[in-house]
């Protein structure tokens, strides 16, 4: 079963319009490896930090917890 943080990362990707291919490239992983990590098939150390940091670099102005939805 995937860790909770993976659901948060996938949700942030969706809200920001960031593809798995783009996130994987930002991290330096193959997109299939990223998929395995996000689906709980691989659990490398530092994966959560790598994914969250890459998301911050790709969407630095988006505050996922405090920004209301734009109509």
Foldseek 3Di string as FASTA:
>chain_A
DADPLLVVLVVLCVVVVNDLCNLCVLLVHHSVVSVCNSVVVDDDPPPSVSSVVSSCVVCVVDDPPPDDDDD
